[in-house]
Amino acid sequence: MSVRIIIDRKVKKGKEADFAKLLRTLRSKSIFSKGYISGEMLRDRDDPQNYIVITAWQSVAHWEEYEKIPETSKIHARIEKLMARPTKVKICVHA
């Protein structure tokens, strides 16, 4: 069963360009990963420093495999340094 991963990030002011560049790098890695279906990035209209990324994967196992890739982990660590608060990740299944 496919799953959706919802990632909620709040970027420090002035770090948006660095964040966008790292996110593009992550996306380029994820789209070729086994089990990846789709993804989109949304920006909060009322809080432009807040971004939501929603990705679809064939299974939780596929998402977890992707998260364990060393290069992916390194990029996530770099992204965390740009955050105003810790990133929130939710794994959601169809109800």
PDB file of N, CA and C in Angstrom:
ATOM      1  N   MET A   1       0.842  -1.181   0.000  1.00  0.00           N
ATOM      2  CA  MET A   1       0.000   0.000   0.000  1.00  0.00           C
ATOM      3  C   MET A   1       0.886   1.242   0.000  1.00  0.00           C
ATOM      4  N   SER A   2       0.533   2.215  -0.814  1.00  0.00           N
ATOM      5  CA  SER A   2       1.330   3.439  -0.890  1.00  0.00           C
ATOM      6  C   SER A   2       1.142   4.283   0.378  1.00  0.00           C
ATOM      7  N   VAL A   3       2.148   5.094   0.652  1.00  0.00           N
ATOM      8  CA  VAL A   3       2.131   5.973   1.819  1.00  0.00           C
ATOM      9  C   VAL A   3       2.479   7.389   1.383  1.00  0.00           C
ATOM     10  N   ARG A   4       2.105   8.336   2.221  1.00  0.00           N
ATOM     11  CA  ARG A   4       2.485   9.736   2.005  1.00  0.00           C
ATOM     12  C   ARG A   4       3.365  10.155   3.167  1.00  0.00           C
ATOM     13  N   ILE A   5       4.431  10.828   2.842  1.00  0.00           N
ATOM     14  CA  ILE A   5       5.331  11.367   3.850  1.00  0.00           C
ATOM     15  C   ILE A   5       5.129  12.879   3.838  1.00  0.00           C
ATOM     16  N   ILE A   6       4.781  13.434   4.984  1.00  0.00           N
ATOM     17  CA  ILE A   6       4.542  14.872   5.093  1.00  0.00           C
ATOM     18  C   ILE A   6       5.651  15.463   5.951  1.00  0.00           C
ATOM     19  N   ILE A   7       6.420  16.363   5.343  1.00  0.00           N
ATOM     20  CA  ILE A   7       7.574  16.959   6.012  1.00  0.00           C
ATOM     21  C   ILE A   7       7.305  18.450   6.171  1.00  0.00           C
ATOM     22  N   ASP A   8       7.334  18.899   7.409  1.00  0.00           N
ATOM     23  CA  ASP A   8       7.018  20.283   7.757  1.00  0.00           C
ATOM     24  C   ASP A   8       8.301  20.961   8.237  1.00  0.00           C
ATOM     25  N   ARG A   9       8.717  21.994   7.503  1.00  0.00           N
ATOM     26  CA  ARG A   9       9.957  22.694   7.837  1.00  0.00           C
ATOM     27  C   ARG A   9       9.733  24.190   7.909  1.00  0.00           C
ATOM     28  N   LYS A  10      10.388  24.813   8.886  1.00  0.00           N
ATOM     29  CA  LYS A  10      10.359  26.270   9.002  1.00  0.00           C
ATOM     30  C   LYS A  10      11.797  26.760   8.849  1.00  0.00           C
ATOM     31  N   VAL A  11      12.028  27.485   7.763  1.00  0.00           N
ATOM     32  CA  VAL A  11      13.373  27.942   7.395  1.00  0.00           C
ATOM     33  C   VAL A  11      13.684  29.275   8.072  1.00  0.00           C
ATOM     34  N   LYS A  12      14.931  29.410   8.522  1.00  0.00           N
ATOM     35  CA  LYS A  12      15.372  30.686   9.079  1.00  0.00           C
ATOM     36  C   LYS A  12      15.304  31.753   7.995  1.00  0.00           C
ATOM     37  N   LYS A  13      14.909  32.966   8.384  1.00  0.00           N
ATOM     38  CA  LYS A  13      14.867  34.070   7.417  1.00  0.00           C
ATOM     39  C   LYS A  13      16.255  34.264   6.817  1.00  0.00           C
ATOM     40  N   GLY A  14      16.257  34.485   5.500  1.00  0.00           N
ATOM     41  CA  GLY A  14      17.501  34.694   4.783  1.00  0.00           C
ATOM     42  C   GLY A  14      18.171  33.417   4.306  1.00  0.00           C
ATOM     43  N   LYS A  15      17.639  32.270   4.686  1.00  0.00           N
ATOM     44  CA  LYS A  15      18.227  30.977   4.305  1.00  0.00           C
ATOM     45  C   LYS A  15      17.410  30.249   3.238  1.00  0.00           C
ATOM     46  N   GLU A  16      16.401  30.916   2.691  1.00  0.00           N
ATOM     47  CA  GLU A  16      15.503  30.272   1.733  1.00  0.00           C
ATOM     48  C   GLU A  16      16.226  29.766   0.477  1.00  0.00           C
ATOM     49  N   ALA A  17      17.152  30.551  -0.053  1.00  0.00           N
ATOM     50  CA  ALA A  17      17.860  30.145  -1.279  1.00  0.00           C
ATOM     51  C   ALA A  17      18.721  28.913  -1.031  1.00  0.00           C
ATOM     52  N   ASP A  18      19.416  28.882   0.100  1.00  0.00           N
ATOM     53  CA  ASP A  18      20.232  27.708   0.445  1.00  0.00           C
ATOM     54  C   ASP A  18      19.340  26.484   0.620  1.00  0.00           C
ATOM     55  N   PHE A  19      18.209  26.680   1.286  1.00  0.00           N
ATOM     56  CA  PHE A  19      17.250  25.596   1.502  1.00  0.00           C
ATOM     57  C   PHE A  19      16.728  25.066   0.164  1.00  0.00           C
ATOM     58  N   ALA A  20      16.323  25.968  -0.710  1.00  0.00           N
ATOM     59  CA  ALA A  20      15.770  25.561  -2.014  1.00  0.00           C
ATOM     60  C   ALA A  20      16.786  24.750  -2.813  1.00  0.00           C
ATOM     61  N   LYS A  21      18.038  25.164  -2.765  1.00  0.00           N
ATOM     62  CA  LYS A  21      19.092  24.440  -3.497  1.00  0.00           C
ATOM     63  C   LYS A  21      19.250  23.023  -2.948  1.00  0.00           C
ATOM     64  N   LEU A  22      19.300  22.887  -1.628  1.00  0.00           N
ATOM     65  CA  LEU A  22      19.434  21.557  -1.028  1.00  0.00           C
ATOM     66  C   LEU A  22      18.205  20.692  -1.301  1.00  0.00           C
ATOM     67  N   LEU A  23      17.045  21.312  -1.279  1.00  0.00           N
ATOM     68  CA  LEU A  23      15.820  20.563  -1.547  1.00  0.00           C
ATOM     69  C   LEU A  23      15.782  20.052  -2.993  1.00  0.00           C
ATOM     70  N   ARG A  24      16.263  20.860  -3.920  1.00  0.00           N
ATOM     71  CA  ARG A  24      16.344  20.402  -5.323  1.00  0.00           C
ATOM     72  C   ARG A  24      17.288  19.207  -5.443  1.00  0.00           C
ATOM     73  N   THR A  25      18.386  19.261  -4.706  1.00  0.00           N
ATOM     74  CA  THR A  25      19.330  18.141  -4.715  1.00  0.00           C
ATOM     75  C   THR A  25      18.663  16.882  -4.173  1.00  0.00           C
ATOM     76  N   LEU A  26      17.944  17.015  -3.065  1.00  0.00           N
ATOM     77  CA  LEU A  26      17.231  15.864  -2.501  1.00  0.00           C
ATOM     78  C   LEU A  26      16.211  15.307  -3.483  1.00  0.00           C
ATOM     79  N   ARG A  27      15.469  16.201  -4.104  1.00  0.00           N
ATOM     80  CA  ARG A  27      14.445  15.756  -5.054  1.00  0.00           C
ATOM     81  C   ARG A  27      15.075  14.978  -6.204  1.00  0.00           C
ATOM     82  N   SER A  28      16.209  15.460  -6.693  1.00  0.00           N
ATOM     83  CA  SER A  28      16.862  14.759  -7.802  1.00  0.00           C
ATOM     84  C   SER A  28      17.309  13.363  -7.387  1.00  0.00           C
ATOM     85  N   LYS A  29      17.623  13.180  -6.122  1.00  0.00           N
ATOM     86  CA  LYS A  29      17.988  11.855  -5.614  1.00  0.00           C
ATOM     87  C   LYS A  29      16.749  10.983  -5.429  1.00  0.00           C
ATOM     88  N   SER A  30      15.689  11.574  -4.897  1.00  0.00           N
ATOM     89  CA  SER A  30      14.510  10.773  -4.565  1.00  0.00           C
ATOM     90  C   SER A  30      13.781  10.256  -5.798  1.00  0.00           C
ATOM     91  N   ILE A  31      13.706  11.052  -6.853  1.00  0.00           N
ATOM     92  CA  ILE A  31      12.909  10.621  -8.004  1.00  0.00           C
ATOM     93  C   ILE A  31      13.459   9.366  -8.674  1.00  0.00           C
ATOM     94  N   PHE A  32      14.723   9.050  -8.426  1.00  0.00           N
ATOM     95  CA  PHE A  32      15.316   7.837  -8.994  1.00  0.00           C
ATOM     96  C   PHE A  32      15.400   6.707  -7.969  1.00  0.00           C
ATOM     97  N   SER A  33      14.845   6.931  -6.787  1.00  0.00           N
ATOM     98  CA  SER A  33      14.889   5.922  -5.732  1.00  0.00           C
ATOM     99  C   SER A  33      13.775   4.900  -5.920  1.00  0.00           C
ATOM    100  N   LYS A  34      14.088   3.684  -5.562  1.00  0.00           N
ATOM    101  CA  LYS A  34      13.109   2.604  -5.662  1.00  0.00           C
ATOM    102  C   LYS A  34      11.900   2.928  -4.793  1.00  0.00           C
ATOM    103  N   GLY A  35      10.719   2.834  -5.367  1.00  0.00           N
ATOM    104  CA  GLY A  35       9.490   3.027  -4.628  1.00  0.00           C
ATOM    105  C   GLY A  35       8.943   4.440  -4.637  1.00  0.00           C
ATOM    106  N   TYR A  36       9.712   5.401  -5.160  1.00  0.00           N
ATOM    107  CA  TYR A  36       9.245   6.788  -5.201  1.00  0.00           C
ATOM    108  C   TYR A  36       8.124   6.915  -6.228  1.00  0.00           C
ATOM    109  N   ILE A  37       7.049   7.602  -5.873  1.00  0.00           N
ATOM    110  CA  ILE A  37       5.922   7.820  -6.780  1.00  0.00           C
ATOM    111  C   ILE A  37       5.857   9.273  -7.225  1.00  0.00           C
ATOM    112  N   SER A  38       5.804  10.198  -6.253  1.00  0.00           N
ATOM    113  CA  SER A  38       5.671  11.607  -6.601  1.00  0.00           C
ATOM    114  C   SER A  38       6.014  12.483  -5.402  1.00  0.00           C
ATOM    115  N   GLY A  39       6.101  13.782  -5.660  1.00  0.00           N
ATOM    116  CA  GLY A  39       6.365  14.716  -4.577  1.00  0.00           C
ATOM    117  C   GLY A  39       5.977  16.127  -4.969  1.00  0.00           C
ATOM    118  N   GLU A  40       5.702  16.931  -3.960  1.00  0.00           N
ATOM    119  CA  GLU A  40       5.408  18.339  -4.201  1.00  0.00           C
ATOM    120  C   GLU A  40       5.836  19.150  -2.990  1.00  0.00           C
ATOM    121  N   MET A  41       6.144  20.425  -3.220  1.00  0.00           N
ATOM    122  CA  MET A  41       6.510  21.318  -2.145  1.00  0.00           C
ATOM    123  C   MET A  41       5.521  22.468  -2.110  1.00  0.00           C
ATOM    124  N   LEU A  42       5.046  22.768  -0.914  1.00  0.00           N
ATOM    125  CA  LEU A  42       4.097  23.847  -0.707  1.00  0.00           C
ATOM    126  C   LEU A  42       4.700  24.850   0.274  1.00  0.00           C
ATOM    127  N   ARG A  43       4.322  26.111   0.097  1.00  0.00           N
ATOM    128  CA  ARG A  43       4.780  27.166   0.994  1.00  0.00           C
ATOM    129  C   ARG A  43       3.557  27.799   1.634  1.00  0.00           C
ATOM    130  N   ASP A  44       3.603  27.955   2.943  1.00  0.00           N
ATOM    131  CA  ASP A  44       2.477  28.511   3.688  1.00  0.00           C
ATOM    132  C   ASP A  44       2.237  29.963   3.280  1.00  0.00           C
ATOM    133  N   ARG A  45       1.041  30.264   2.856  1.00  0.00           N
ATOM    134  CA  ARG A  45       0.695  31.611   2.406  1.00  0.00           C
ATOM    135  C   ARG A  45       0.847  32.640   3.522  1.00  0.00           C
ATOM    136  N   ASP A  46       0.478  32.255   4.744  1.00  0.00           N
ATOM    137  CA  ASP A  46       0.513  33.184   5.864  1.00  0.00           C
ATOM    138  C   ASP A  46       1.845  33.185   6.616  1.00  0.00           C
ATOM    139  N   ASP A  47       2.672  32.198   6.361  1.00  0.00           N
ATOM    140  CA  ASP A  47       3.983  32.081   7.013  1.00  0.00           C
ATOM    141  C   ASP A  47       4.983  31.598   5.969  1.00  0.00           C
ATOM    142  N   PRO A  48       5.502  32.504   5.138  1.00  0.00           N
ATOM    143  CA  PRO A  48       6.333  32.103   4.004  1.00  0.00           C
ATOM    144  C   PRO A  48       7.639  31.403   4.360  1.00  0.00           C
ATOM    145  N   GLN A  49       7.989  31.359   5.633  1.00  0.00           N
ATOM    146  CA  GLN A  49       9.188  30.609   6.037  1.00  0.00           C
ATOM    147  C   GLN A  49       8.855  29.138   6.260  1.00  0.00           C
ATOM    148  N   ASN A  50       7.565  28.804   6.231  1.00  0.00           N
ATOM    149  CA  ASN A  50       7.131  27.433   6.501  1.00  0.00           C
ATOM    150  C   ASN A  50       6.850  26.699   5.188  1.00  0.00           C
ATOM    151  N   TYR A  51       7.471  25.548   5.036  1.00  0.00           N
ATOM    152  CA  TYR A  51       7.339  24.732   3.826  1.00  0.00           C
ATOM    153  C   TYR A  51       6.823  23.349   4.203  1.00  0.00           C
ATOM    154  N   ILE A  52       5.966  22.808   3.363  1.00  0.00           N
ATOM    155  CA  ILE A  52       5.476  21.440   3.516  1.00  0.00           C
ATOM    156  C   ILE A  52       5.865  20.676   2.253  1.00  0.00           C
ATOM    157  N   VAL A  53       6.529  19.549   2.446  1.00  0.00           N
ATOM    158  CA  VAL A  53       6.863  18.664   1.332  1.00  0.00           C
ATOM    159  C   VAL A  53       6.040  17.399   1.523  1.00  0.00           C
ATOM    160  N   ILE A  54       5.351  17.000   0.461  1.00  0.00           N
ATOM    161  CA  ILE A  54       4.552  15.779   0.501  1.00  0.00           C
ATOM    162  C   ILE A  54       5.086  14.847  -0.582  1.00  0.00           C
ATOM    163  N   THR A  55       5.520  13.672  -0.147  1.00  0.00           N
ATOM    164  CA  THR A  55       5.998  12.686  -1.114  1.00  0.00           C
ATOM    165  C   THR A  55       5.162  11.423  -0.991  1.00  0.00           C
ATOM    166  N   ALA A  56       5.016  10.733  -2.093  1.00  0.00           N
ATOM    167  CA  ALA A  56       4.300   9.462  -2.125  1.00  0.00           C
ATOM    168  C   ALA A  56       5.307   8.355  -2.442  1.00  0.00           C
ATOM    169  N   TRP A  57       5.209   7.281  -1.685  1.00  0.00           N
ATOM    170  CA  TRP A  57       6.094   6.122  -1.850  1.00  0.00           C
ATOM    171  C   TRP A  57       5.236   4.868  -1.929  1.00  0.00           C
ATOM    172  N   GLN A  58       5.776   3.843  -2.566  1.00  0.00           N
ATOM    173  CA  GLN A  58       5.027   2.596  -2.684  1.00  0.00           C
ATOM    174  C   GLN A  58       4.825   1.919  -1.336  1.00  0.00           C
ATOM    175  N   SER A  59       5.750   2.146  -0.392  1.00  0.00           N
ATOM    176  CA  SER A  59       5.624   1.549   0.939  1.00  0.00           C
ATOM    177  C   SER A  59       6.489   2.318   1.930  1.00  0.00           C
ATOM    178  N   VAL A  60       6.231   2.098   3.211  1.00  0.00           N
ATOM    179  CA  VAL A  60       7.068   2.689   4.254  1.00  0.00           C
ATOM    180  C   VAL A  60       8.499   2.172   4.118  1.00  0.00           C
ATOM    181  N   ALA A  61       8.638   0.907   3.768  1.00  0.00           N
ATOM    182  CA  ALA A  61       9.973   0.320   3.612  1.00  0.00           C
ATOM    183  C   ALA A  61      10.786   1.066   2.544  1.00  0.00           C
ATOM    184  N   HIS A  62      10.146   1.451   1.453  1.00  0.00           N
ATOM    185  CA  HIS A  62      10.852   2.201   0.414  1.00  0.00           C
ATOM    186  C   HIS A  62      11.315   3.557   0.944  1.00  0.00           C
ATOM    187  N   TRP A  63      10.447   4.245   1.675  1.00  0.00           N
ATOM    188  CA  TRP A  63      10.810   5.531   2.280  1.00  0.00           C
ATOM    189  C   TRP A  63      11.997   5.349   3.227  1.00  0.00           C
ATOM    190  N   GLU A  64      11.931   4.318   4.082  1.00  0.00           N
ATOM    191  CA  GLU A  64      12.998   4.085   5.047  1.00  0.00           C
ATOM    192  C   GLU A  64      14.321   3.755   4.365  1.00  0.00           C
ATOM    193  N   GLU A  65      14.262   3.009   3.261  1.00  0.00           N
ATOM    194  CA  GLU A  65      15.481   2.727   2.471  1.00  0.00           C
ATOM    195  C   GLU A  65      16.104   4.021   1.973  1.00  0.00           C
ATOM    196  N   TYR A  66      15.271   4.880   1.426  1.00  0.00           N
ATOM    197  CA  TYR A  66      15.738   6.167   0.913  1.00  0.00           C
ATOM    198  C   TYR A  66      16.373   6.996   2.025  1.00  0.00           C
ATOM    199  N   GLU A  67      15.768   7.018   3.189  1.00  0.00           N
ATOM    200  CA  GLU A  67      16.276   7.801   4.314  1.00  0.00           C
ATOM    201  C   GLU A  67      17.633   7.294   4.802  1.00  0.00           C
ATOM    202  N   LYS A  68      17.927   6.020   4.588  1.00  0.00           N
ATOM    203  CA  LYS A  68      19.182   5.428   5.060  1.00  0.00           C
ATOM    204  C   LYS A  68      20.353   5.654   4.104  1.00  0.00           C
ATOM    205  N   ILE A  69      20.088   6.166   2.915  1.00  0.00           N
ATOM    206  CA  ILE A  69      21.168   6.418   1.962  1.00  0.00           C
ATOM    207  C   ILE A  69      22.084   7.475   2.569  1.00  0.00           C
ATOM    208  N   PRO A  70      23.397   7.197   2.698  1.00  0.00           N
ATOM    209  CA  PRO A  70      24.301   8.144   3.352  1.00  0.00           C
ATOM    210  C   PRO A  70      24.262   9.557   2.769  1.00  0.00           C
ATOM    211  N   GLU A  71      24.197   9.684   1.465  1.00  0.00           N
ATOM    212  CA  GLU A  71      24.155  11.009   0.851  1.00  0.00           C
ATOM    213  C   GLU A  71      22.878  11.766   1.234  1.00  0.00           C
ATOM    214  N   THR A  72      21.765  11.045   1.299  1.00  0.00           N
ATOM    215  CA  THR A  72      20.498  11.649   1.712  1.00  0.00           C
ATOM    216  C   THR A  72      20.602  12.157   3.150  1.00  0.00           C
ATOM    217  N   SER A  73      21.165  11.342   4.028  1.00  0.00           N
ATOM    218  CA  SER A  73      21.328  11.724   5.429  1.00  0.00           C
ATOM    219  C   SER A  73      22.192  12.978   5.568  1.00  0.00           C
ATOM    220  N   LYS A  74      23.245  13.064   4.784  1.00  0.00           N
ATOM    221  CA  LYS A  74      24.129  14.241   4.839  1.00  0.00           C
ATOM    222  C   LYS A  74      23.387  15.508   4.405  1.00  0.00           C
ATOM    223  N   ILE A  75      22.574  15.391   3.379  1.00  0.00           N
ATOM    224  CA  ILE A  75      21.816  16.558   2.905  1.00  0.00           C
ATOM    225  C   ILE A  75      20.789  16.976   3.947  1.00  0.00           C
ATOM    226  N   HIS A  76      20.125  16.005   4.569  1.00  0.00           N
ATOM    227  CA  HIS A  76      19.161  16.318   5.628  1.00  0.00           C
ATOM    228  C   HIS A  76      19.848  17.042   6.785  1.00  0.00           C
ATOM    229  N   ALA A  77      21.050  16.630   7.127  1.00  0.00           N
ATOM    230  CA  ALA A  77      21.790  17.295   8.212  1.00  0.00           C
ATOM    231  C   ALA A  77      22.095  18.744   7.844  1.00  0.00           C
ATOM    232  N   ARG A  78      22.450  18.980   6.592  1.00  0.00           N
ATOM    233  CA  ARG A  78      22.712  20.353   6.145  1.00  0.00           C
ATOM    234  C   ARG A  78      21.434  21.190   6.170  1.00  0.00           C
ATOM    235  N   ILE A  79      20.324  20.583   5.786  1.00  0.00           N
ATOM    236  CA  ILE A  79      19.039  21.284   5.813  1.00  0.00           C
ATOM    237  C   ILE A  79      18.675  21.664   7.248  1.00  0.00           C
ATOM    238  N   GLU A  80      18.880  20.753   8.189  1.00  0.00           N
ATOM    239  CA  GLU A  80      18.509  21.026   9.584  1.00  0.00           C
ATOM    240  C   GLU A  80      19.207  22.267  10.133  1.00  0.00           C
ATOM    241  N   LYS A  81      20.403  22.542   9.663  1.00  0.00           N
ATOM    242  CA  LYS A  81      21.136  23.730  10.126  1.00  0.00           C
ATOM    243  C   LYS A  81      20.474  25.028   9.665  1.00  0.00           C
ATOM    244  N   LEU A  82      19.610  24.938   8.665  1.00  0.00           N
ATOM    245  CA  LEU A  82      18.918  26.109   8.128  1.00  0.00           C
ATOM    246  C   LEU A  82      17.532  26.309   8.747  1.00  0.00           C
ATOM    247  N   MET A  83      17.140  25.413   9.633  1.00  0.00           N
ATOM    248  CA  MET A  83      15.782  25.437  10.171  1.00  0.00           C
ATOM    249  C   MET A  83      15.663  26.310  11.414  1.00  0.00           C
ATOM    250  N   ALA A  84      14.507  26.966  11.523  1.00  0.00           N
ATOM    251  CA  ALA A  84      14.180  27.772  12.696  1.00  0.00           C
ATOM    252  C   ALA A  84      13.671  26.876  13.833  1.00  0.00           C
ATOM    253  N   ARG A  85      13.253  25.655  13.499  1.00  0.00           N
ATOM    254  CA  ARG A  85      12.804  24.663  14.476  1.00  0.00           C
ATOM    255  C   ARG A  85      13.056  23.288  13.862  1.00  0.00           C
ATOM    256  N   PRO A  86      13.076  22.242  14.677  1.00  0.00           N
ATOM    257  CA  PRO A  86      13.300  20.910  14.109  1.00  0.00           C
ATOM    258  C   PRO A  86      12.238  20.532  13.071  1.00  0.00           C
ATOM    259  N   THR A  87      12.668  19.817  12.073  1.00  0.00           N
ATOM    260  CA  THR A  87      11.777  19.321  11.035  1.00  0.00           C
ATOM    261  C   THR A  87      10.809  18.297  11.641  1.00  0.00           C
ATOM    262  N   LYS A  88       9.558  18.356  11.187  1.00  0.00           N
ATOM    263  CA  LYS A  88       8.540  17.399  11.617  1.00  0.00           C
ATOM    264  C   LYS A  88       8.223  16.486  10.428  1.00  0.00           C
ATOM    265  N   VAL A  89       8.258  15.184  10.655  1.00  0.00           N
ATOM    266  CA  VAL A  89       7.959  14.214   9.610  1.00  0.00           C
ATOM    267  C   VAL A  89       6.814  13.325  10.074  1.00  0.00           C
ATOM    268  N   LYS A  90       5.798  13.167   9.213  1.00  0.00           N
ATOM    269  CA  LYS A  90       4.676  12.278   9.494  1.00  0.00           C
ATOM    270  C   LYS A  90       4.570  11.274   8.356  1.00  0.00           C
ATOM    271  N   ILE A  91       4.399  10.019   8.721  1.00  0.00           N
ATOM    272  CA  ILE A  91       4.153   8.969   7.739  1.00  0.00           C
ATOM    273  C   ILE A  91       2.663   8.667   7.799  1.00  0.00           C
ATOM    274  N   CYS A  92       1.985   8.849   6.676  1.00  0.00           N
ATOM    275  CA  CYS A  92       0.525   8.695   6.632  1.00  0.00           C
ATOM    276  C   CYS A  92       0.136   7.591   5.651  1.00  0.00           C
ATOM    277  N   VAL A  93      -0.828   6.796   6.070  1.00  0.00           N
ATOM    278  CA  VAL A  93      -1.373   5.746   5.210  1.00  0.00           C
ATOM    279  C   VAL A  93      -2.818   6.081   4.892  1.00  0.00           C
ATOM    280  N   HIS A  94      -3.354   5.479   3.861  1.00  0.00           N
ATOM    281  CA  HIS A  94      -4.742   5.729   3.484  1.00  0.00           C
ATOM    282  C   HIS A  94      -5.685   5.183   4.544  1.00  0.00           C
ATOM    283  N   ALA A  95      -6.687   5.965   4.863  1.00  0.00           N
ATOM    284  CA  ALA A  95      -7.660   5.565   5.886  1.00  0.00           C
ATOM    285  C   ALA A  95      -8.754   4.705   5.270  1.00  0.00           C
TER     286      ALA A  95
END
